[in-house]
C-alpha atoms as a PDB file:
ATOM      1  CA  MET A   1     127.331 100.181 117.841  1.00  0.00           C
ATOM      2  CA  PRO A   2     125.013  97.855 118.906  1.00  0.00           C
ATOM      3  CA  TRP A   3     122.568  99.618 116.964  1.00  0.00           C
ATOM      4  CA  ASP A   4     123.044 100.123 113.416  1.00  0.00           C
ATOM      5  CA  SER A   5     121.105 102.313 111.712  1.00  0.00           C
ATOM      6  CA  VAL A   6     118.297 101.544 109.819  1.00  0.00           C
ATOM      7  CA  GLN A   7     117.398 102.389 106.021  1.00  0.00           C
ATOM      8  CA  LEU A   8     113.916 104.896 106.009  1.00  0.00           C
ATOM      9  CA  ASN A   9     111.881 104.213 102.263  1.00  0.00           C
ATOM     10  CA  ASP A  10     112.477 107.848 101.306  1.00  0.00           C
ATOM     11  CA  GLY A  11     116.497 106.876 101.558  1.00  0.00           C
ATOM     12  CA  ASN A  12     117.399 108.681 104.971  1.00  0.00           C
ATOM     13  CA  SER A  13     118.976 106.099 108.192  1.00  0.00           C
ATOM     14  CA  MET A  14     117.308 106.450 111.353  1.00  0.00           C
ATOM     15  CA  PRO A  15     119.466 104.884 115.054  1.00  0.00           C
ATOM     16  CA  SER A  16     117.892 101.700 115.401  1.00  0.00           C
ATOM     17  CA  ILE A  17     116.970 102.613 119.605  1.00  0.00           C
ATOM     18  CA  ALA A  18     115.766 105.920 120.497  1.00  0.00           C
ATOM     19  CA  TYR A  19     115.156 107.225 123.623  1.00  0.00           C
ATOM     20  CA  GLY A  20     111.449 108.593 124.270  1.00  0.00           C
ATOM     21  CA  THR A  21     110.651 111.620 126.361  1.00  0.00           C
ATOM     22  CA  TRP A  22     107.359 111.107 126.860  1.00  0.00           C
ATOM     23  CA  ARG A  23     107.346 110.666 130.777  1.00  0.00           C
ATOM     24  CA  THR A  24     110.746 113.251 131.764  1.00  0.00           C
ATOM     25  CA  GLY A  25     108.159 115.700 132.127  1.00  0.00           C
ATOM     26  CA  LYS A  26     109.263 119.394 131.682  1.00  0.00           C
ATOM     27  CA  GLY A  27     111.651 121.472 133.061  1.00  0.00           C
ATOM     28  CA  GLN A  28     115.353 120.844 134.206  1.00  0.00           C
ATOM     29  CA  ALA A  29     114.548 117.286 134.416  1.00  0.00           C
ATOM     30  CA  PRO A  30     114.351 116.263 130.301  1.00  0.00           C
ATOM     31  CA  VAL A  31     117.485 117.943 130.054  1.00  0.00           C
ATOM     32  CA  ASP A  32     119.492 116.077 132.369  1.00  0.00           C
ATOM     33  CA  SER A  33     117.526 113.166 130.970  1.00  0.00           C
ATOM     34  CA  LEU A  34     118.725 113.547 127.654  1.00  0.00           C
ATOM     35  CA  ASN A  35     122.259 113.921 128.586  1.00  0.00           C
ATOM     36  CA  GLN A  36     122.932 112.136 130.290  1.00  0.00           C
ATOM     37  CA  ALA A  37     121.687 109.319 127.193  1.00  0.00           C
ATOM     38  CA  PHE A  38     123.315 111.297 124.713  1.00  0.00           C
ATOM     39  CA  ALA A  39     126.217 110.452 127.723  1.00  0.00           C
ATOM     40  CA  VAL A  40     125.963 106.408 127.255  1.00  0.00           C
ATOM     41  CA  GLY A  41     125.763 107.064 123.519  1.00  0.00           C
ATOM     42  CA  ILE A  42     122.089 106.932 122.349  1.00  0.00           C
ATOM     43  CA  ARG A  43     121.608 109.353 119.546  1.00  0.00           C
ATOM     44  CA  HIS A  44     117.968 109.349 118.358  1.00  0.00           C
ATOM     45  CA  VAL A  45     115.593 111.817 120.739  1.00  0.00           C
ATOM     46  CA  ASP A  46     111.572 111.448 120.190  1.00  0.00           C
ATOM     47  CA  THR A  47     109.478 113.835 120.811  1.00  0.00           C
ATOM     48  CA  ALA A  48     105.310 114.777 120.843  1.00  0.00           C
ATOM     49  CA  GLN A  49     103.707 118.150 121.020  1.00  0.00           C
ATOM     50  CA  ASN A  50     101.961 117.396 123.839  1.00  0.00           C
ATOM     51  CA  TYR A  51     104.751 116.447 125.769  1.00  0.00           C
ATOM     52  CA  THR A  52     104.855 120.294 126.188  1.00  0.00           C
ATOM     53  CA  ASN A  53     109.039 119.882 127.080  1.00  0.00           C
ATOM     54  CA  GLU A  54     110.218 120.325 123.291  1.00  0.00           C
ATOM     55  CA  PRO A  55     111.990 123.519 124.593  1.00  0.00           C
ATOM     56  CA  GLU A  56     113.676 121.355 127.013  1.00  0.00           C
ATOM     57  CA  ALA A  57     114.312 118.490 124.369  1.00  0.00           C
ATOM     58  CA  GLY A  58     115.856 121.766 122.244  1.00  0.00           C
ATOM     59  CA  ILE A  59     118.047 123.076 125.151  1.00  0.00           C
ATOM     60  CA  ALA A  60     119.405 119.506 125.371  1.00  0.00           C
ATOM     61  CA  ILE A  61     120.223 118.491 121.456  1.00  0.00           C
ATOM     62  CA  ARG A  62     121.553 122.351 121.268  1.00  0.00           C
ATOM     63  CA  GLY A  63     123.782 122.169 124.051  1.00  0.00           C
ATOM     64  CA  CYS A  64     125.096 119.045 124.518  1.00  0.00           C
ATOM     65  CA  GLY A  65     127.969 119.726 121.834  1.00  0.00           C
ATOM     66  CA  LEU A  66     127.233 116.883 119.175  1.00  0.00           C
ATOM     67  CA  PRO A  67     127.261 117.730 115.897  1.00  0.00           C
ATOM     68  CA  ARG A  68     123.682 118.349 114.954  1.00  0.00           C
ATOM     69  CA  GLU A  69     123.741 116.577 111.913  1.00  0.00           C
ATOM     70  CA  SER A  70     124.353 113.364 114.054  1.00  0.00           C
ATOM     71  CA  ILE A  71     120.944 113.713 116.858  1.00  0.00           C
ATOM     72  CA  PHE A  72     118.186 111.774 114.730  1.00  0.00           C
ATOM     73  CA  VAL A  73     114.535 114.040 116.071  1.00  0.00           C
ATOM     74  CA  THR A  74     111.296 112.843 116.132  1.00  0.00           C
ATOM     75  CA  THR A  75     108.754 115.424 116.950  1.00  0.00           C
ATOM     76  CA  LYS A  76     104.919 114.220 116.783  1.00  0.00           C
ATOM     77  CA  TRP A  77     101.672 116.740 115.738  1.00  0.00           C
ATOM     78  CA  SER A  78      99.530 116.242 118.958  1.00  0.00           C
ATOM     79  CA  ALA A  79      96.845 118.879 117.293  1.00  0.00           C
ATOM     80  CA  LEU A  80      97.718 120.909 120.687  1.00  0.00           C
ATOM     81  CA  ASN A  81      95.308 123.851 121.238  1.00  0.00           C
ATOM     82  CA  GLY A  82      93.645 122.560 118.597  1.00  0.00           C
ATOM     83  CA  LEU A  83      96.405 123.957 115.881  1.00  0.00           C
ATOM     84  CA  ASP A  84      96.603 122.421 112.203  1.00  0.00           C
ATOM     85  CA  ILE A  85      99.727 120.662 111.090  1.00  0.00           C
ATOM     86  CA  ALA A  86     101.002 123.132 109.648  1.00  0.00           C
ATOM     87  CA  THR A  87     100.984 125.601 112.159  1.00  0.00           C
ATOM     88  CA  SER A  88     102.015 123.287 114.788  1.00  0.00           C
ATOM     89  CA  PHE A  89     105.289 121.867 112.827  1.00  0.00           C
ATOM     90  CA  GLN A  90     106.495 125.741 112.795  1.00  0.00           C
ATOM     91  CA  ASN A  91     105.926 126.036 117.220  1.00  0.00           C
ATOM     92  CA  SER A  92     108.125 122.753 117.038  1.00  0.00           C
ATOM     93  CA  LEU A  93     110.711 123.667 114.976  1.00  0.00           C
ATOM     94  CA  LYS A  94     110.526 127.443 117.092  1.00  0.00           C
ATOM     95  CA  ASN A  95     110.425 124.771 120.389  1.00  0.00           C
ATOM     96  CA  LEU A  96     113.214 123.119 119.577  1.00  0.00           C
ATOM     97  CA  GLY A  97     114.995 125.310 118.185  1.00  0.00           C
ATOM     98  CA  LEU A  98     116.505 123.671 114.909  1.00  0.00           C
ATOM     99  CA  THR A  99     116.241 124.286 111.687  1.00  0.00           C
ATOM    100  CA  TYR A 100     115.671 121.761 110.688  1.00  0.00           C
ATOM    101  CA  ILE A 101     113.275 118.104 111.957  1.00  0.00           C
ATOM    102  CA  ASP A 102     114.484 114.701 111.074  1.00  0.00           C
ATOM    103  CA  LEU A 103     110.938 112.865 111.762  1.00  0.00           C
ATOM    104  CA  TYR A 104     107.900 114.453 111.924  1.00  0.00           C
ATOM    105  CA  LEU A 105     104.758 112.536 112.608  1.00  0.00           C
ATOM    106  CA  ILE A 106     101.086 112.703 113.277  1.00  0.00           C
ATOM    107  CA  HIS A 107     100.378 110.955 116.820  1.00  0.00           C
ATOM    108  CA  GLY A 108      97.208 109.353 115.932  1.00  0.00           C
ATOM    109  CA  ALA A 109      94.681 108.840 112.702  1.00  0.00           C
ATOM    110  CA  GLU A 110      92.110 109.963 115.686  1.00  0.00           C
ATOM    111  CA  LEU A 111      93.876 113.709 115.021  1.00  0.00           C
ATOM    112  CA  CYS A 112      92.567 113.683 111.727  1.00  0.00           C
ATOM    113  CA  ASP A 113      88.925 114.442 110.482  1.00  0.00           C
ATOM    114  CA  ASN A 114      90.793 113.646 107.507  1.00  0.00           C
ATOM    115  CA  ILE A 115      93.787 111.379 106.373  1.00  0.00           C
ATOM    116  CA  PRO A 116      94.094 112.317 103.283  1.00  0.00           C
ATOM    117  CA  GLN A 117      94.511 115.085 103.796  1.00  0.00           C
ATOM    118  CA  CYS A 118      96.254 115.388 106.744  1.00  0.00           C
ATOM    119  CA  TRP A 119      98.951 113.838 104.531  1.00  0.00           C
ATOM    120  CA  LYS A 120      98.957 115.926 102.267  1.00  0.00           C
ATOM    121  CA  GLU A 121      99.828 118.349 104.679  1.00  0.00           C
ATOM    122  CA  MET A 122     102.473 116.495 105.643  1.00  0.00           C
ATOM    123  CA  GLU A 123     104.019 115.893 102.649  1.00  0.00           C
ATOM    124  CA  LYS A 124     104.241 119.634 102.133  1.00  0.00           C
ATOM    125  CA  ILE A 125     106.204 120.712 105.012  1.00  0.00           C
ATOM    126  CA  LYS A 126     109.051 117.383 103.333  1.00  0.00           C
ATOM    127  CA  GLU A 127     108.872 119.402 100.466  1.00  0.00           C
ATOM    128  CA  SER A 128     109.417 121.787 102.491  1.00  0.00           C
ATOM    129  CA  GLY A 129     112.793 120.098 103.366  1.00  0.00           C
ATOM    130  CA  LEU A 130     112.174 121.686 107.033  1.00  0.00           C
ATOM    131  CA  ALA A 131     111.564 117.573 107.949  1.00  0.00           C
ATOM    132  CA  LYS A 132     114.009 115.557 106.159  1.00  0.00           C
ATOM    133  CA  SER A 133     111.477 112.336 106.902  1.00  0.00           C
ATOM    134  CA  ILE A 134     107.773 112.165 107.654  1.00  0.00           C
ATOM    135  CA  GLY A 135     105.216 109.232 108.660  1.00  0.00           C
ATOM    136  CA  VAL A 136     102.503 108.254 111.276  1.00  0.00           C
ATOM    137  CA  SER A 137     102.016 106.985 114.963  1.00  0.00           C
ATOM    138  CA  ASN A 138      98.986 104.613 116.571  1.00  0.00           C
ATOM    139  CA  PHE A 139      98.124 103.754 112.490  1.00  0.00           C
ATOM    140  CA  GLU A 140      95.685 100.785 112.463  1.00  0.00           C
ATOM    141  CA  VAL A 141      95.780  98.733 108.825  1.00  0.00           C
ATOM    142  CA  ASP A 142      92.735 100.780 107.619  1.00  0.00           C
ATOM    143  CA  HIS A 143      94.127 103.984 108.472  1.00  0.00           C
ATOM    144  CA  LEU A 144      97.480 103.525 106.934  1.00  0.00           C
ATOM    145  CA  GLU A 145      95.213 102.200 103.884  1.00  0.00           C
ATOM    146  CA  GLN A 146      93.230 105.780 103.647  1.00  0.00           C
ATOM    147  CA  LEU A 147      96.551 107.018 103.483  1.00  0.00           C
ATOM    148  CA  LEU A 148      98.494 105.412 100.812  1.00  0.00           C
ATOM    149  CA  ALA A 149      95.517 105.696  98.522  1.00  0.00           C
ATOM    150  CA  VAL A 150      96.442 109.354  98.156  1.00  0.00           C
ATOM    151  CA  SER A 151     100.432 108.923  99.867  1.00  0.00           C
ATOM    152  CA  LYS A 152     102.633 110.723  97.293  1.00  0.00           C
ATOM    153  CA  TYR A 153     105.433 109.534 100.207  1.00  0.00           C
ATOM    154  CA  VAL A 154     104.935 106.884 102.265  1.00  0.00           C
ATOM    155  CA  PRO A 155     105.175 106.936 105.189  1.00  0.00           C
ATOM    156  CA  VAL A 156     108.568 105.550 106.596  1.00  0.00           C
ATOM    157  CA  VAL A 157     107.557 104.879 109.909  1.00  0.00           C
ATOM    158  CA  ASN A 158     104.617 104.497 111.836  1.00  0.00           C
ATOM    159  CA  GLN A 159     105.328 104.074 115.603  1.00  0.00           C
ATOM    160  CA  ILE A 160     103.313 101.668 117.884  1.00  0.00           C
ATOM    161  CA  LEU A 161     102.959 100.027 120.858  1.00  0.00           C
ATOM    162  CA  PHE A 162     104.367  96.730 121.305  1.00  0.00           C
ATOM    163  CA  HIS A 163     105.676  94.325 123.462  1.00  0.00           C
ATOM    164  CA  PRO A 164     104.631  90.671 123.864  1.00  0.00           C
ATOM    165  CA  TYR A 165     101.629  91.064 125.970  1.00  0.00           C
ATOM    166  CA  VAL A 166     100.088  93.220 122.272  1.00  0.00           C
ATOM    167  CA  TYR A 167     101.919  91.302 119.252  1.00  0.00           C
ATOM    168  CA  ALA A 168      99.132  88.682 118.919  1.00  0.00           C
ATOM    169  CA  GLU A 169      96.849  91.945 117.646  1.00  0.00           C
ATOM    170  CA  GLN A 170      99.381  94.429 115.517  1.00  0.00           C
ATOM    171  CA  LEU A 171     100.640  91.628 113.943  1.00  0.00           C
ATOM    172  CA  PRO A 172      98.464  92.765 110.774  1.00  0.00           C
ATOM    173  CA  ILE A 173      99.935  95.922 110.643  1.00  0.00           C
ATOM    174  CA  LEU A 174     103.664  94.407 111.907  1.00  0.00           C
ATOM    175  CA  GLU A 175     102.812  91.689 108.071  1.00  0.00           C
ATOM    176  CA  MET A 176     101.203  95.540 106.310  1.00  0.00           C
ATOM    177  CA  CYS A 177     104.023  97.795 107.353  1.00  0.00           C
ATOM    178  CA  GLU A 178     106.865  95.588 106.547  1.00  0.00           C
ATOM    179  CA  GLU A 179     104.749  94.903 103.036  1.00  0.00           C
ATOM    180  CA  LYS A 180     104.985  98.387 101.757  1.00  0.00           C
ATOM    181  CA  GLY A 181     108.762  99.320 103.893  1.00  0.00           C
ATOM    182  CA  ILE A 182     107.608 101.341 106.730  1.00  0.00           C
ATOM    183  CA  VAL A 183     109.406 100.608 109.804  1.00  0.00           C
ATOM    184  CA  VAL A 184     107.881  99.990 112.493  1.00  0.00           C
ATOM    185  CA  GLU A 185     109.314 102.299 116.078  1.00  0.00           C
ATOM    186  CA  ALA A 186     108.280 100.066 119.285  1.00  0.00           C
ATOM    187  CA  TYR A 187     106.927 102.235 122.093  1.00  0.00           C
ATOM    188  CA  SER A 188     106.391 100.999 126.027  1.00  0.00           C
ATOM    189  CA  PRO A 189     108.444  97.483 124.272  1.00  0.00           C
ATOM    190  CA  LEU A 190     109.318  97.521 128.396  1.00  0.00           C
ATOM    191  CA  ILE A 191     105.399  97.328 129.252  1.00  0.00           C
ATOM    192  CA  PRO A 192     106.084  93.570 130.397  1.00  0.00           C
ATOM    193  CA  VAL A 193     109.200  94.236 133.324  1.00  0.00           C
ATOM    194  CA  THR A 194     107.832  97.475 134.290  1.00  0.00           C
ATOM    195  CA  LYS A 195     103.582  97.795 134.850  1.00  0.00           C
ATOM    196  CA  ARG A 196     102.742  93.970 133.855  1.00  0.00           C
ATOM    197  CA  PRO A 197     104.890  91.800 136.143  1.00  0.00           C
ATOM    198  CA  GLY A 198     104.274  88.732 137.185  1.00  0.00           C
ATOM    199  CA  GLY A 199     102.937  87.709 133.800  1.00  0.00           C
ATOM    200  CA  PRO A 200     103.152  84.631 131.511  1.00  0.00           C
ATOM    201  CA  VAL A 201     106.517  86.264 129.772  1.00  0.00           C
ATOM    202  CA  ASP A 202     107.586  86.006 133.240  1.00  0.00           C
ATOM    203  CA  LYS A 203     108.943  82.865 132.875  1.00  0.00           C
ATOM    204  CA  PRO A 204     110.383  82.317 129.541  1.00  0.00           C
ATOM    205  CA  ILE A 205     111.968  85.968 129.456  1.00  0.00           C
ATOM    206  CA  GLY A 206     113.809  85.254 133.065  1.00  0.00           C
ATOM    207  CA  ALA A 207     115.387  81.324 131.824  1.00  0.00           C
ATOM    208  CA  ILE A 208     116.780  83.419 129.064  1.00  0.00           C
ATOM    209  CA  ALA A 209     118.134  86.050 130.844  1.00  0.00           C
ATOM    210  CA  GLU A 210     119.624  83.950 133.167  1.00  0.00           C
ATOM    211  CA  ARG A 211     120.785  81.374 130.685  1.00  0.00           C
ATOM    212  CA  LEU A 212     122.479  84.483 129.396  1.00  0.00           C
ATOM    213  CA  GLY A 213     123.621  86.599 131.722  1.00  0.00           C
ATOM    214  CA  VAL A 214     121.486  89.623 131.038  1.00  0.00           C
ATOM    215  CA  SER A 215     118.874  91.452 132.274  1.00  0.00           C
ATOM    216  CA  MET A 216     115.017  90.624 131.421  1.00  0.00           C
ATOM    217  CA  ASP A 217     114.878  94.349 130.076  1.00  0.00           C
ATOM    218  CA  GLN A 218     117.182  93.362 127.359  1.00  0.00           C
ATOM    219  CA  VAL A 219     115.612  90.166 127.298  1.00  0.00           C
ATOM    220  CA  LEU A 220     112.603  92.283 125.380  1.00  0.00           C
ATOM    221  CA  LEU A 221     114.485  94.504 124.407  1.00  0.00           C
ATOM    222  CA  ALA A 222     116.713  92.328 121.866  1.00  0.00           C
ATOM    223  CA  TRP A 223     112.956  90.860 121.932  1.00  0.00           C
ATOM    224  CA  ALA A 224     111.866  93.676 120.020  1.00  0.00           C
ATOM    225  CA  LYS A 225     114.646  94.155 118.537  1.00  0.00           C
ATOM    226  CA  ALA A 226     114.732  90.857 116.770  1.00  0.00           C
ATOM    227  CA  LYS A 227     110.953  91.865 115.125  1.00  0.00           C
ATOM    228  CA  GLY A 228     112.092  94.281 113.588  1.00  0.00           C
ATOM    229  CA  THR A 229     110.976  97.151 115.716  1.00  0.00           C
ATOM    230  CA  VAL A 230     112.906  99.643 117.317  1.00  0.00           C
ATOM    231  CA  PRO A 231     112.374 100.369 120.161  1.00  0.00           C
ATOM    232  CA  VAL A 232     112.027 104.049 121.568  1.00  0.00           C
ATOM    233  CA  THR A 233     112.670 103.803 125.513  1.00  0.00           C
ATOM    234  CA  MET A 234     113.767 105.856 128.654  1.00  0.00           C
ATOM    235  CA  SER A 235     115.417 105.930 131.906  1.00  0.00           C
ATOM    236  CA  THR A 236     116.925 107.899 133.866  1.00  0.00           C
ATOM    237  CA  ASN A 237     119.109 105.351 135.333  1.00  0.00           C
ATOM    238  CA  LYS A 238     122.889 105.801 133.151  1.00  0.00           C
ATOM    239  CA  LYS A 239     123.024 102.133 134.137  1.00  0.00           C
ATOM    240  CA  ARG A 240     119.925 101.006 133.087  1.00  0.00           C
ATOM    241  CA  LEU A 241     120.650 102.998 129.785  1.00  0.00           C
ATOM    242  CA  GLU A 242     124.110 100.810 129.134  1.00  0.00           C
ATOM    243  CA  GLY A 243     121.793  98.222 129.590  1.00  0.00           C
ATOM    244  CA  TYR A 244     120.214  99.414 127.130  1.00  0.00           C
ATOM    245  CA  MET A 245     122.744 100.268 124.531  1.00  0.00           C
ATOM    246  CA  ASN A 246     124.611  96.466 126.028  1.00  0.00           C
ATOM    247  CA  ALA A 247     121.238  94.745 124.907  1.00  0.00           C
ATOM    248  CA  GLY A 248     122.195  95.107 121.133  1.00  0.00           C
ATOM    249  CA  LYS A 249     124.599  93.110 120.861  1.00  0.00           C
ATOM    250  CA  ILE A 250     122.313  90.452 122.475  1.00  0.00           C
ATOM    251  CA  CYS A 251     121.493  87.778 119.709  1.00  0.00           C
ATOM    252  CA  LEU A 252     118.710  85.456 121.331  1.00  0.00           C
ATOM    253  CA  SER A 253     117.333  82.118 119.073  1.00  0.00           C
ATOM    254  CA  PRO A 254     114.226  81.204 116.886  1.00  0.00           C
ATOM    255  CA  THR A 255     113.492  79.257 120.084  1.00  0.00           C
ATOM    256  CA  ASP A 256     113.527  82.345 122.613  1.00  0.00           C
ATOM    257  CA  ILE A 257     111.395  83.788 120.434  1.00  0.00           C
ATOM    258  CA  VAL A 258     108.631  81.618 119.842  1.00  0.00           C
ATOM    259  CA  SER A 259     108.523  80.554 124.244  1.00  0.00           C
ATOM    260  CA  ILE A 260     108.524  85.101 124.409  1.00  0.00           C
ATOM    261  CA  ASP A 261     105.335  85.020 121.521  1.00  0.00           C
ATOM    262  CA  GLU A 262     104.001  81.752 123.605  1.00  0.00           C
ATOM    263  CA  GLY A 263     104.303  84.164 127.093  1.00  0.00           C
ATOM    264  CA  GLY A 264     103.298  86.444 125.888  1.00  0.00           C
ATOM    265  CA  SER A 265      99.658  84.972 123.819  1.00  0.00           C
ATOM    266  CA  ALA A 266      99.146  83.597 127.106  1.00  0.00           C
ATOM    267  CA  MET A 267      97.865  86.919 128.731  1.00  0.00           C
ATOM    268  CA  THR A 268      94.012  86.293 128.520  1.00  0.00           C
END
């Protein structure tokens, strides 16, 4: 497999590329898009309470014909409708129609009036066995410091915005996560080509893509992988998804990586 599993600090493992359902909407669309993702080999589903499409994700997961244990399912406590962590988790289990969740995250530090107390609630869920692993999303260094001061279990992941234009500002959290054995999941890794084309990173990415005979989005995914992150991305285009899977085979040179880093830092 071009995207190998990554080992988590609690002994579990996780596929190293994920399909995010944030922008898939509701109704049949997320079911169809997830079935297409499964068809090209993606085995990691990322959803959340406030995406309001956990039921559709569950339909796809349960109906795809793959063994449950072969699909890694992430969802998040988003404090939707003001619900607490324990209640939200039970609702997510019910919405997904699953007996357990592989990874449960706090969607953002701002949701916690008291970060240590929130984490204690997460730890209870892990100890129940209903979530195999627990982690966080959008946590910065000071948030993690508060959590780690009281934690029995270190978060297995921190899911953050990550692409070349935010690399420099995210570097402190990347370094802390590496030190603590926390895997960084990278959401929106393709923003430089999908939302902000024409920026300074286009030149190095374009040159690398041309040299290797691949697309610019594949280069960005390879860069995210080279930085040790797990990309969370999506597309409704099957050929593009196949390209995402093939991006796991791309090996960028140190010079390639530096040129992308420099292009990213040039954005003002």
